[in-house]
Amino acid sequence: MSSNTILKNALISVSDKKHLLEMSQILLEKKINLLSTGGTAKYLINHNIPVTEISKYTNFPEIMDGRVKTMHPKIIGGILGRRKKDKNTMKLYNILPIDIVIVNFYPFHKINIQNQSTTEEIIENIDIGGPTLVRSAAKNYKDVIIIVNFSDFKLIFNSIENNHISIETRLYLASQAFSYTSKYEKNIKKYFINKTQSNISQKNNLFPDKIKLKFIKKQNLRYGENQHQKSALYIKENFSEPGTISGSYQIHGKQLSYNNISDADIALECVKQFSTPACVIVKHGNPCGASENISLLKAYISAYKADPISAFGGIIAFNVIIDVQTAQEIILRQFVEVIIAPEIHHLSLEILKKKKNIRILISGKFKKNNEKIDFKKITNGLLVQENDDNTIEIEKFNFVTKRLPNDQEFKDAIFCWKIVKYVKSNAILYGLNRTTISIGAGQTSRVDATQLANFKAKDRGFDIQGATMASDAFFPFKDGIEKAASIGISCIIQPGGSIRDQEVIECANQYNIAMIFTYKRHFKH
């Protein structure tokens, strides 16, 4: 079914002028007259596009610093007027029928409440006339075409025939318009809620009475945790933050799976903690090898050698651009599921593309993680907690043993403390020269985690003498210290806080082990 309305007049009022000239030229080619508000009209005139300014058509100026410019009966009537029923009224008051309305608003979703703009300045950017024009046109969709997205404009005007557009298409555009105004109002609401909350103590607003989460689907995934499970990736609406898995893009390889993304997220967040070249390899939700070194190649080789068995089919994350030598070494050494980095050299990409199934993700430049809340799904519920941030407060460390760590042990302690946070509890990690040696993960007791770390270190033939141990939580008994001492650990970093801390400290003194209390636990379940 087609509308009989012939397209003669279009009103354009846009904040984002990116596609304004292209749209205007297409409309002129179809012999459609243009009406525009002051800013848009000035832009078009400066580019030699013939246009009638609304204030000249209405014979009424824009007033109150532009707060009132489109709210005039000749504009609103020209949009809302029903072409048959209101024909005589429009003729009586010399109201020109407006057949096309093209409008976009000030981008409220880009506002950061931490910026330098005052609330009064922000308020002046709230569009009043724009939403009224859009709603009016959408309400009268049978006679008026409303366009709020450039993609819809191209779709419509590439397929238009005989200056007519079908009722079905007009209804679709109206639905898009109402969706657009709805999102706009929600963004304004969100701004004022955030503004209000920013004036109150943050701690009191972490956990609201109601949580409304809104995510959009980014892509379907190959399968879920298991091949019989379907899965998909959803990301926050209006979210495109670089330096994250959610904001990354895939440039090579087969379709990602649920586990690929879960492990890649852990690997990327872990490697982001380091400023010098670093590599983290993750397998089944746990780091299995990590290293910080003078070059990316050395960091990768060290991380791989830390546990080559577990690294097979793992996820590799880097914190700097992937160079040619590192790409060549990966191909020579191992089978890998996913590689993620902020950038990749074009020659490195060609090397890695020789393995057609390797998934290569580019995250973009890293930024500080501003996530304040962490969620965990349970059956018919949601656990919510404050995010465990990456801040290491060295000034709060307590050196509790007779022997203090030497420079190398202290550097290794900081390195191990950064990594152990990403290991499933109970977690024990051994490191030497800013490289992991052995990791005991996901055990039901801390002594079991230590025994597992000892076994893996011995099984892989590592020399643990002088290595540092990190524990994600305190030692409830001295047995974990004894087992660490038996294999050659010389420094331990742990939260402290056990009722037997003094017994544990005395045990460390007995074995001449330096021990650091951080007073911060890093359980990861």
Protein backbone atom coordinates (compact mmCIF):
# COMPACT_ATOMS: atom_id res chain seq x y z
CA MET A 1 0.00 0.00 0.00
CA SER A 2 1.36 3.42 -0.92
CA SER A 3 0.66 6.90 0.39
CA ASN A 4 -0.62 9.40 -2.16
CA THR A 5 1.30 12.27 -0.55
CA ILE A 6 3.70 13.90 -2.99
CA LEU A 7 6.93 14.95 -1.35
CA LYS A 8 7.44 18.68 -1.73
CA ASN A 9 8.84 20.13 1.51
CA ALA A 10 11.39 18.88 4.03
CA LEU A 11 12.34 20.30 7.41
CA ILE A 12 15.88 19.63 8.58
CA SER A 13 17.16 20.42 12.07
CA VAL A 14 20.23 18.43 13.12
CA SER A 15 22.85 18.64 15.87
CA ASP A 16 25.08 16.07 14.18
CA LYS A 17 25.76 17.51 10.72
CA LYS A 18 27.98 14.65 9.51
CA HIS A 19 25.67 13.63 6.64
CA LEU A 20 23.79 16.93 6.26
CA LEU A 21 25.22 17.95 2.89
CA GLU A 22 24.72 14.51 1.35
CA MET A 23 21.09 14.38 2.49
CA SER A 24 20.37 17.93 1.35
CA GLN A 25 21.80 17.33 -2.11
CA ILE A 26 19.69 14.19 -2.56
CA LEU A 27 16.55 16.08 -1.52
CA LEU A 28 17.32 18.91 -3.94
CA GLU A 29 17.85 16.45 -6.77
CA LYS A 30 14.32 15.21 -6.11
CA LYS A 31 13.08 18.82 -6.24
CA ILE A 32 12.17 18.91 -2.54
CA ASN A 33 12.30 22.32 -0.86
CA LEU A 34 14.33 22.69 2.34
CA LEU A 35 13.33 24.40 5.59
CA SER A 36 15.89 24.61 8.41
CA THR A 37 16.53 26.10 11.82
CA GLY A 38 19.17 28.85 12.18
CA GLY A 39 22.31 26.75 12.79
CA THR A 40 21.46 24.15 10.18
CA ALA A 41 20.39 26.79 7.65
CA LYS A 42 23.60 28.74 8.13
CA TYR A 43 25.65 25.58 7.57
CA LEU A 44 23.77 24.82 4.33
CA ILE A 45 24.01 28.38 3.04
CA ASN A 46 27.76 28.36 3.67
CA HIS A 47 27.92 25.29 1.41
CA ASN A 48 25.76 26.88 -1.31
CA ILE A 49 22.68 24.79 -0.57
CA PRO A 50 19.42 26.75 -1.13
CA VAL A 51 17.33 26.69 2.03
CA THR A 52 14.56 28.72 3.70
CA GLU A 53 15.23 29.62 7.29
CA ILE A 54 12.26 28.79 9.55
CA SER A 55 12.22 32.25 11.15
CA LYS A 56 11.72 33.83 7.70
CA TYR A 57 8.95 31.37 6.81
CA THR A 58 7.08 31.92 10.10
CA ASN A 59 7.94 35.62 10.18
CA PHE A 60 8.87 35.08 13.82
CA PRO A 61 12.47 35.21 15.07
CA GLU A 62 14.30 32.63 17.13
CA ILE A 63 14.08 33.96 20.67
CA MET A 64 15.37 33.32 24.19
CA ASP A 65 18.87 32.40 22.99
CA GLY A 66 17.43 29.79 20.65
CA ARG A 67 15.19 28.11 23.23
CA VAL A 68 12.18 28.89 21.01
CA LYS A 69 12.61 28.43 17.27
CA THR A 70 10.47 25.60 15.90
CA MET A 71 7.49 25.77 18.29
CA HIS A 72 5.24 27.74 15.95
CA PRO A 73 1.77 26.83 14.56
CA LYS A 74 3.04 27.11 10.98
CA ILE A 75 5.70 24.46 11.74
CA ILE A 76 3.80 22.12 14.06
CA GLY A 77 0.63 22.55 12.00
CA GLY A 78 2.54 21.80 8.81
CA ILE A 79 3.65 18.49 10.31
CA LEU A 80 0.53 17.44 12.25
CA GLY A 81 -1.95 18.60 9.61
CA ARG A 82 -3.95 15.74 8.06
CA ARG A 83 -3.74 16.41 4.35
CA LYS A 84 -7.44 15.81 3.61
CA LYS A 85 -9.21 16.57 6.89
CA ASP A 86 -7.19 19.69 7.77
CA LYS A 87 -6.65 20.96 4.23
CA ASN A 88 -8.95 23.99 4.57
CA THR A 89 -7.51 24.98 7.96
CA MET A 90 -3.97 24.82 6.60
CA LYS A 91 -4.99 26.93 3.62
CA LEU A 92 -6.79 29.45 5.83
CA TYR A 93 -3.68 30.10 7.95
CA ASN A 94 -1.22 29.75 5.09
CA ILE A 95 0.41 26.64 6.63
CA LEU A 96 2.79 24.86 4.30
CA PRO A 97 2.52 21.05 4.43
CA ILE A 98 5.84 19.57 5.63
CA ASP A 99 6.25 16.12 4.09
CA ILE A 100 9.64 15.09 5.48
CA VAL A 101 11.15 15.78 8.90
CA ILE A 102 14.84 15.02 9.44
CA VAL A 103 15.98 15.61 13.00
CA ASN A 104 18.66 14.44 15.43
CA PHE A 105 19.29 15.66 18.98
CA TYR A 106 22.19 16.73 21.15
CA PRO A 107 24.02 13.45 21.99
CA PHE A 108 23.22 13.16 25.67
CA HIS A 109 24.66 9.62 25.93
CA LYS A 110 28.14 11.10 25.44
CA ILE A 111 27.89 13.39 28.44
CA ASN A 112 30.29 12.59 31.26
CA ILE A 113 29.06 13.91 34.59
CA GLN A 114 32.70 14.43 35.58
CA ASN A 115 33.27 16.97 32.79
CA GLN A 116 33.68 20.69 33.28
CA SER A 117 30.19 21.69 32.09
CA THR A 118 27.82 23.02 34.73
CA THR A 119 24.30 21.69 35.12
CA GLU A 120 22.99 24.99 33.74
CA GLU A 121 25.14 24.58 30.59
CA ILE A 122 23.96 21.01 30.16
CA ILE A 123 20.32 22.04 30.56
CA GLU A 124 20.70 24.52 27.68
CA ASN A 125 21.56 21.58 25.43
CA ILE A 126 18.36 19.68 26.20
CA ASP A 127 16.40 19.63 22.96
CA ILE A 128 12.75 20.65 23.33
CA GLY A 129 11.68 21.47 19.79
CA GLY A 130 13.45 18.48 18.23
CA PRO A 131 11.53 15.78 20.15
CA THR A 132 8.29 17.68 19.49
CA LEU A 133 8.99 17.71 15.74
CA VAL A 134 9.87 14.00 15.79
CA ARG A 135 6.79 12.95 17.78
CA SER A 136 4.51 15.12 15.65
CA ALA A 137 5.85 13.62 12.43
CA ALA A 138 5.68 10.07 13.81
CA LYS A 139 2.10 10.63 14.95
CA ASN A 140 1.17 11.79 11.46
CA TYR A 141 3.22 9.06 9.72
CA LYS A 142 0.60 8.52 7.01
CA ASP A 143 1.35 11.99 5.64
CA VAL A 144 4.85 12.73 6.98
CA ILE A 145 8.13 10.85 6.66
CA ILE A 146 10.21 11.06 9.83
CA ILE A 147 13.93 10.24 9.66
CA VAL A 148 16.23 10.13 12.68
CA ASN A 149 18.92 7.78 11.31
CA PHE A 150 21.07 8.42 8.26
CA SER A 151 20.97 4.70 7.40
CA ASP A 152 17.17 4.96 7.11
CA PHE A 153 17.51 8.05 4.92
CA LYS A 154 19.75 6.18 2.46
CA LEU A 155 17.45 3.17 2.52
CA ILE A 156 14.36 5.27 1.78
CA PHE A 157 15.78 7.56 -0.88
CA ASN A 158 17.61 4.82 -2.75
CA SER A 159 14.36 2.87 -3.13
CA ILE A 160 11.88 5.72 -3.60
CA GLU A 161 9.75 5.44 -6.71
CA ASN A 162 7.55 8.13 -8.30
CA ASN A 163 8.01 10.35 -5.24
CA HIS A 164 5.93 7.98 -3.08
CA ILE A 165 6.82 5.87 -0.05
CA SER A 166 4.67 2.99 1.20
CA ILE A 167 2.57 3.17 4.38
CA GLU A 168 4.47 0.14 5.71
CA THR A 169 7.78 1.99 5.36
CA ARG A 170 6.33 5.12 6.92
CA LEU A 171 5.11 3.09 9.92
CA TYR A 172 8.57 1.55 10.31
CA LEU A 173 10.14 5.03 10.33
CA ALA A 174 7.61 6.19 12.94
CA SER A 175 8.55 3.27 15.20
CA GLN A 176 12.23 4.17 14.81
CA ALA A 177 11.40 7.77 15.71
CA PHE A 178 9.54 6.87 18.91
CA SER A 179 12.37 4.56 19.89
CA TYR A 180 14.84 7.42 19.32
CA THR A 181 12.90 9.91 21.48
CA SER A 182 12.46 7.26 24.18
CA LYS A 183 16.23 6.62 24.35
CA TYR A 184 16.87 10.35 24.42
CA GLU A 185 14.59 10.87 27.41
CA LYS A 186 16.23 7.94 29.20
CA ASN A 187 19.67 9.44 28.62
CA ILE A 188 18.54 12.75 30.10
CA LYS A 189 17.03 10.90 33.05
CA LYS A 190 20.26 8.94 33.52
CA TYR A 191 22.30 12.16 33.48
CA PHE A 192 20.24 13.78 36.21
CA ILE A 193 20.19 10.63 38.33
CA ASN A 194 23.98 10.37 38.03
CA LYS A 195 24.34 14.06 38.77
CA THR A 196 22.26 13.65 41.90
CA GLN A 197 24.17 10.56 42.99
CA SER A 198 27.53 12.23 42.39
CA ASN A 199 26.65 14.78 45.05
CA ILE A 200 26.07 12.04 47.61
CA SER A 201 28.62 9.64 49.05
CA GLN A 202 29.39 7.00 46.41
CA LYS A 203 29.31 4.21 48.99
CA ASN A 204 25.67 4.93 49.75
CA ASN A 205 24.70 4.58 46.08
CA LEU A 206 26.58 1.46 44.99
CA PHE A 207 23.59 -0.79 45.55
CA PRO A 208 20.26 0.75 44.49
CA ASP A 209 16.91 -0.80 45.43
CA LYS A 210 16.35 -1.77 41.80
CA ILE A 211 18.82 -2.68 39.08
CA LYS A 212 17.88 -2.30 35.44
CA LEU A 213 20.44 -3.74 33.06
CA LYS A 214 20.30 -3.03 29.35
CA PHE A 215 22.59 -4.85 26.94
CA ILE A 216 22.52 -5.28 23.18
CA LYS A 217 23.67 -8.33 21.29
CA LYS A 218 27.07 -7.90 19.68
CA GLN A 219 27.29 -11.34 18.10
CA ASN A 220 26.25 -14.97 18.22
CA LEU A 221 28.98 -17.29 19.43
CA ARG A 222 30.12 -20.68 18.16
CA TYR A 223 28.71 -22.45 21.22
CA GLY A 224 28.52 -22.10 24.99
CA GLU A 225 30.63 -23.68 27.71
CA ASN A 226 29.85 -26.98 26.02
CA GLN A 227 29.11 -27.68 22.38
CA HIS A 228 25.47 -28.59 22.99
CA GLN A 229 24.83 -25.10 24.46
CA LYS A 230 24.04 -22.09 22.28
CA SER A 231 25.47 -18.72 23.31
CA ALA A 232 25.82 -15.06 22.38
CA LEU A 233 27.78 -11.99 23.50
CA TYR A 234 25.89 -8.95 24.78
CA ILE A 235 27.51 -5.62 25.58
CA LYS A 236 26.34 -2.48 27.31
CA GLU A 237 24.19 -0.26 25.13
CA ASN A 238 26.09 2.79 23.82
CA PHE A 239 29.34 1.12 24.93
CA SER A 240 32.41 1.13 22.71
CA GLU A 241 35.23 1.53 25.22
CA PRO A 242 38.56 0.39 23.75
CA GLY A 243 40.92 -1.81 25.74
CA THR A 244 38.25 -4.34 26.68
CA ILE A 245 36.97 -7.63 25.32
CA SER A 246 33.52 -6.08 24.85
CA GLY A 247 35.01 -3.26 22.78
CA SER A 248 37.47 -5.42 20.82
CA TYR A 249 37.09 -6.53 17.20
CA GLN A 250 38.13 -9.75 15.51
CA ILE A 251 40.38 -9.50 12.46
CA HIS A 252 41.08 -13.17 11.79
CA GLY A 253 40.04 -16.70 12.64
CA LYS A 254 36.95 -18.78 13.16
CA GLN A 255 33.92 -17.78 15.20
CA LEU A 256 34.48 -17.13 18.90
CA SER A 257 32.99 -19.36 21.57
CA TYR A 258 31.68 -18.57 25.04
CA ASN A 259 34.85 -19.94 26.68
CA ASN A 260 37.09 -18.00 24.28
CA ILE A 261 35.57 -14.70 25.39
CA SER A 262 35.48 -15.60 29.08
CA ASP A 263 39.16 -16.59 29.11
CA ALA A 264 40.22 -13.70 26.87
CA ASP A 265 38.57 -11.26 29.28
CA ILE A 266 40.60 -12.65 32.19
CA ALA A 267 43.83 -12.64 30.17
CA LEU A 268 43.35 -9.07 28.93
CA GLU A 269 42.39 -7.62 32.31
CA CYS A 270 45.40 -9.34 33.87
CA VAL A 271 47.97 -8.19 31.30
CA LYS A 272 46.64 -4.62 31.43
CA GLN A 273 48.23 -4.23 34.88
CA PHE A 274 51.72 -4.05 33.42
CA SER A 275 53.38 -1.05 31.78
CA THR A 276 56.43 -2.86 30.38
CA PRO A 277 56.04 -5.65 27.77
CA ALA A 278 54.04 -8.50 29.29
CA CYS A 279 52.28 -11.71 28.26
CA VAL A 280 49.57 -13.64 30.06
CA ILE A 281 48.36 -17.07 28.92
CA VAL A 282 45.01 -18.26 30.27
CA LYS A 283 43.46 -21.74 30.15
CA HIS A 284 40.06 -22.69 31.57
CA GLY A 285 39.63 -19.49 33.53
CA ASN A 286 43.09 -19.41 35.13
CA PRO A 287 46.42 -17.84 34.19
CA CYS A 288 48.83 -20.70 33.48
CA GLY A 289 51.81 -18.58 32.46
CA ALA A 290 52.66 -14.91 32.79
CA SER A 291 55.78 -12.83 32.40
CA GLU A 292 56.92 -9.21 32.32
CA ASN A 293 60.18 -8.64 30.46
CA ILE A 294 62.34 -6.20 28.48
CA SER A 295 60.77 -7.30 25.19
CA LEU A 296 57.50 -8.87 24.14
CA LEU A 297 59.32 -11.83 22.63
CA LYS A 298 61.08 -12.64 25.91
CA ALA A 299 57.85 -12.11 27.85
CA TYR A 300 56.00 -14.56 25.59
CA ILE A 301 58.71 -17.25 25.66
CA SER A 302 58.95 -17.04 29.46
CA ALA A 303 55.16 -17.17 29.89
CA TYR A 304 54.94 -20.16 27.57
CA LYS A 305 57.79 -22.06 29.25
CA ALA A 306 56.12 -21.53 32.64
CA ASP A 307 53.57 -24.23 31.74
CA PRO A 308 53.73 -25.39 28.10
CA ILE A 309 51.31 -28.25 28.76
CA SER A 310 48.54 -25.93 29.97
CA ALA A 311 49.40 -23.30 27.35
CA PHE A 312 48.33 -25.72 24.60
CA GLY A 313 45.04 -24.37 23.22
CA GLY A 314 45.18 -21.38 25.54
CA ILE A 315 44.41 -17.68 25.23
CA ILE A 316 47.37 -15.33 24.85
CA ALA A 317 47.10 -11.66 25.82
CA PHE A 318 49.72 -8.95 25.25
CA ASN A 319 49.85 -5.37 26.48
CA VAL A 320 51.78 -3.89 23.52
CA ILE A 321 51.75 -4.23 19.73
CA ILE A 322 52.52 -7.76 18.48
CA ASP A 323 55.83 -7.65 16.63
CA VAL A 324 57.03 -9.98 13.87
CA GLN A 325 59.46 -11.96 16.03
CA THR A 326 56.78 -12.72 18.63
CA ALA A 327 54.28 -13.77 15.96
CA GLN A 328 56.84 -16.14 14.43
CA GLU A 329 57.63 -17.64 17.83
CA ILE A 330 53.96 -18.31 18.58
CA ILE A 331 53.54 -20.20 15.30
CA LEU A 332 56.66 -22.28 16.02
CA ARG A 333 55.83 -23.11 19.62
CA GLN A 334 52.18 -23.79 20.20
CA PHE A 335 48.58 -24.31 19.23
CA VAL A 336 46.60 -21.27 20.36
CA GLU A 337 42.88 -20.53 20.36
CA VAL A 338 42.87 -16.73 20.75
CA ILE A 339 45.44 -13.93 20.65
CA ILE A 340 44.46 -10.49 21.90
CA ALA A 341 46.50 -7.29 21.97
CA PRO A 342 45.97 -3.51 21.71
CA GLU A 343 47.54 -3.57 18.21
CA ILE A 344 49.26 -5.90 15.74
CA HIS A 345 51.91 -5.14 13.14
CA HIS A 346 50.61 -5.84 9.61
CA LEU A 347 53.49 -8.24 8.94
CA SER A 348 52.78 -10.05 12.20
CA LEU A 349 49.18 -10.45 11.12
CA GLU A 350 50.22 -12.05 7.84
CA ILE A 351 52.40 -14.53 9.76
CA LEU A 352 49.61 -15.49 12.17
CA LYS A 353 47.07 -15.75 9.33
CA LYS A 354 48.95 -18.82 8.10
CA LYS A 355 47.00 -20.58 10.85
CA LYS A 356 43.50 -19.95 9.54
CA ASN A 357 41.68 -20.85 12.76
CA ILE A 358 43.59 -18.63 15.19
CA ARG A 359 41.20 -15.99 16.47
CA ILE A 360 42.97 -12.63 16.57
CA LEU A 361 41.33 -9.82 18.54
CA ILE A 362 42.40 -6.18 18.62
CA SER A 363 41.37 -4.40 21.81
CA GLY A 364 42.64 -0.90 21.09
CA LYS A 365 44.45 1.34 23.53
CA PHE A 366 44.07 0.39 27.18
CA LYS A 367 42.19 2.67 29.54
CA LYS A 368 41.64 2.52 33.27
CA ASN A 369 38.80 0.20 34.19
CA ASN A 370 36.01 2.36 35.61
CA GLU A 371 33.67 -0.53 36.39
CA LYS A 372 32.47 0.01 39.94
CA ILE A 373 30.11 -2.94 40.25
CA ASP A 374 30.63 -6.67 39.68
CA PHE A 375 27.74 -9.04 38.99
CA LYS A 376 27.35 -12.81 39.32
CA LYS A 377 24.27 -14.69 38.16
CA ILE A 378 22.69 -17.23 40.47
CA THR A 379 19.44 -19.15 39.96
CA ASN A 380 16.66 -16.56 39.86
CA GLY A 381 18.94 -13.94 41.33
CA LEU A 382 21.95 -11.68 41.04
CA LEU A 383 24.88 -11.23 43.39
CA VAL A 384 26.24 -7.67 43.32
CA GLN A 385 29.49 -6.47 44.83
CA GLU A 386 31.97 -3.63 44.59
CA ASN A 387 34.55 -4.35 41.90
CA ASP A 388 37.93 -5.65 43.11
CA ASP A 389 40.10 -2.89 41.68
CA ASN A 390 43.74 -3.22 40.66
CA THR A 391 45.16 -0.68 43.07
CA ILE A 392 48.23 -1.96 44.91
CA GLU A 393 48.83 0.15 48.01
CA ILE A 394 52.48 -0.53 48.80
CA GLU A 395 52.45 2.09 51.54
CA LYS A 396 50.02 -0.15 53.46
CA PHE A 397 52.19 -3.28 53.19
CA ASN A 398 53.59 -4.65 56.43
CA PHE A 399 56.95 -6.45 56.42
CA VAL A 400 56.26 -8.83 59.29
CA THR A 401 59.36 -11.10 59.42
CA LYS A 402 62.87 -10.60 60.70
CA ARG A 403 64.30 -10.75 57.19
CA LEU A 404 63.12 -8.15 54.71
CA PRO A 405 62.72 -9.04 51.02
CA ASN A 406 65.61 -8.04 48.80
CA ASP A 407 65.01 -5.91 45.69
CA GLN A 408 64.41 -8.89 43.39
CA GLU A 409 62.08 -10.60 45.84
CA PHE A 410 60.09 -7.42 46.30
CA LYS A 411 59.72 -6.92 42.52
CA ASP A 412 58.64 -10.55 42.21
CA ALA A 413 56.21 -10.12 45.10
CA ILE A 414 54.48 -7.20 43.34
CA PHE A 415 54.40 -9.17 40.07
CA CYS A 416 52.95 -12.28 41.74
CA TRP A 417 50.39 -10.22 43.66
CA LYS A 418 49.08 -8.76 40.39
CA ILE A 419 48.67 -12.21 38.82
CA VAL A 420 47.27 -14.18 41.78
CA LYS A 421 44.21 -11.92 41.81
CA TYR A 422 43.10 -13.59 38.57
CA VAL A 423 43.66 -17.17 39.77
CA LYS A 424 40.65 -19.13 41.07
CA SER A 425 40.64 -19.64 44.84
CA ASN A 426 42.23 -21.18 46.73
CA ALA A 427 45.22 -19.83 44.84
CA ILE A 428 48.97 -20.20 45.32
CA LEU A 429 51.42 -18.75 42.79
CA TYR A 430 55.20 -19.03 42.54
CA GLY A 431 57.19 -16.49 40.56
CA LEU A 432 60.83 -15.65 39.84
CA ASN A 433 62.27 -12.82 37.77
CA ARG A 434 58.74 -11.48 37.12
CA THR A 435 57.67 -14.79 35.55
CA THR A 436 55.30 -17.40 36.94
CA ILE A 437 56.86 -20.76 37.72
CA SER A 438 53.94 -22.73 39.10
CA ILE A 439 50.29 -22.05 39.97
CA GLY A 440 48.04 -24.04 42.28
CA ALA A 441 44.48 -22.99 41.44
CA GLY A 442 40.93 -23.76 42.49
CA GLN A 443 41.67 -26.02 45.46
CA THR A 444 39.41 -26.51 48.48
CA SER A 445 42.24 -25.92 50.93
CA ARG A 446 45.27 -23.65 50.87
CA VAL A 447 47.66 -26.45 51.71
CA ASP A 448 46.30 -28.44 48.74
CA ALA A 449 46.92 -25.42 46.51
CA THR A 450 50.50 -25.26 47.82
CA GLN A 451 51.00 -29.00 47.28
CA LEU A 452 49.69 -28.65 43.72
CA ALA A 453 52.07 -25.76 43.03
CA ASN A 454 54.95 -27.82 44.45
CA PHE A 455 54.04 -30.84 42.34
CA LYS A 456 53.77 -28.83 39.12
CA ALA A 457 57.07 -27.07 39.75
CA LYS A 458 58.88 -30.38 40.38
CA ASP A 459 57.13 -32.11 37.48
CA ARG A 460 58.25 -29.37 35.05
CA GLY A 461 61.79 -29.43 36.46
CA PHE A 462 61.88 -25.84 37.75
CA ASP A 463 64.42 -24.62 40.27
CA ILE A 464 62.37 -22.80 42.90
CA GLN A 465 65.29 -21.60 45.03
CA GLY A 466 64.84 -17.88 45.70
CA ALA A 467 61.31 -17.75 44.22
CA THR A 468 58.42 -15.76 45.69
CA MET A 469 55.03 -17.13 46.68
CA ALA A 470 51.75 -15.21 46.48
CA SER A 471 48.62 -16.40 48.26
CA ASP A 472 45.24 -14.84 47.51
CA ALA A 473 44.15 -15.23 51.16
CA PHE A 474 45.75 -15.79 54.55
CA PHE A 475 47.28 -19.06 55.71
CA PRO A 476 45.09 -20.62 58.42
CA PHE A 477 47.97 -22.85 59.53
CA LYS A 478 51.73 -22.92 59.21
CA ASP A 479 51.67 -26.11 57.07
CA GLY A 480 51.46 -24.07 53.85
CA ILE A 481 54.60 -22.16 54.85
CA GLU A 482 56.43 -25.39 55.61
CA LYS A 483 55.57 -26.86 52.24
CA ALA A 484 56.70 -23.65 50.48
CA ALA A 485 59.97 -23.69 52.42
CA SER A 486 60.58 -27.32 51.49
CA ILE A 487 60.81 -26.40 47.82
CA GLY A 488 62.92 -23.26 48.18
CA ILE A 489 60.53 -20.29 48.47
CA SER A 490 62.35 -17.33 50.03
CA CYS A 491 59.60 -14.66 50.07
CA ILE A 492 55.86 -14.79 50.63
CA ILE A 493 53.22 -12.11 49.95
CA GLN A 494 49.80 -12.69 51.46
CA PRO A 495 46.92 -10.69 53.00
CA GLY A 496 47.37 -11.77 56.62
CA GLY A 497 44.43 -11.74 59.00
CA SER A 498 44.47 -15.27 60.42
CA ILE A 499 44.10 -15.89 64.14
CA ARG A 500 47.35 -17.87 63.73
CA ASP A 501 49.27 -15.07 61.96
CA GLN A 502 51.92 -15.04 64.68
CA GLU A 503 52.45 -18.79 64.30
CA VAL A 504 52.77 -18.35 60.54
CA ILE A 505 55.25 -15.47 60.96
CA GLU A 506 57.36 -17.49 63.39
CA CYS A 507 57.42 -20.38 60.91
CA ALA A 508 58.60 -18.03 58.16
CA ASN A 509 61.32 -16.71 60.49
CA GLN A 510 62.41 -20.26 61.22
CA TYR A 511 63.03 -20.84 57.49
CA ASN A 512 64.50 -17.34 56.93
CA ILE A 513 61.59 -16.45 54.61
CA ALA A 514 60.68 -12.79 54.13
CA MET A 515 56.94 -12.22 54.46
CA ILE A 516 54.75 -9.29 53.38
CA PHE A 517 51.19 -8.66 54.59
CA THR A 518 49.04 -6.67 52.13
CA TYR A 519 45.86 -6.60 54.24
CA LYS A 520 43.82 -7.10 51.07
CA ARG A 521 42.36 -10.46 50.02
CA HIS A 522 41.78 -11.47 46.40
CA PHE A 523 39.36 -14.41 46.44
CA LYS A 524 38.11 -15.31 42.95
CA HIS A 525 35.31 -17.88 42.82
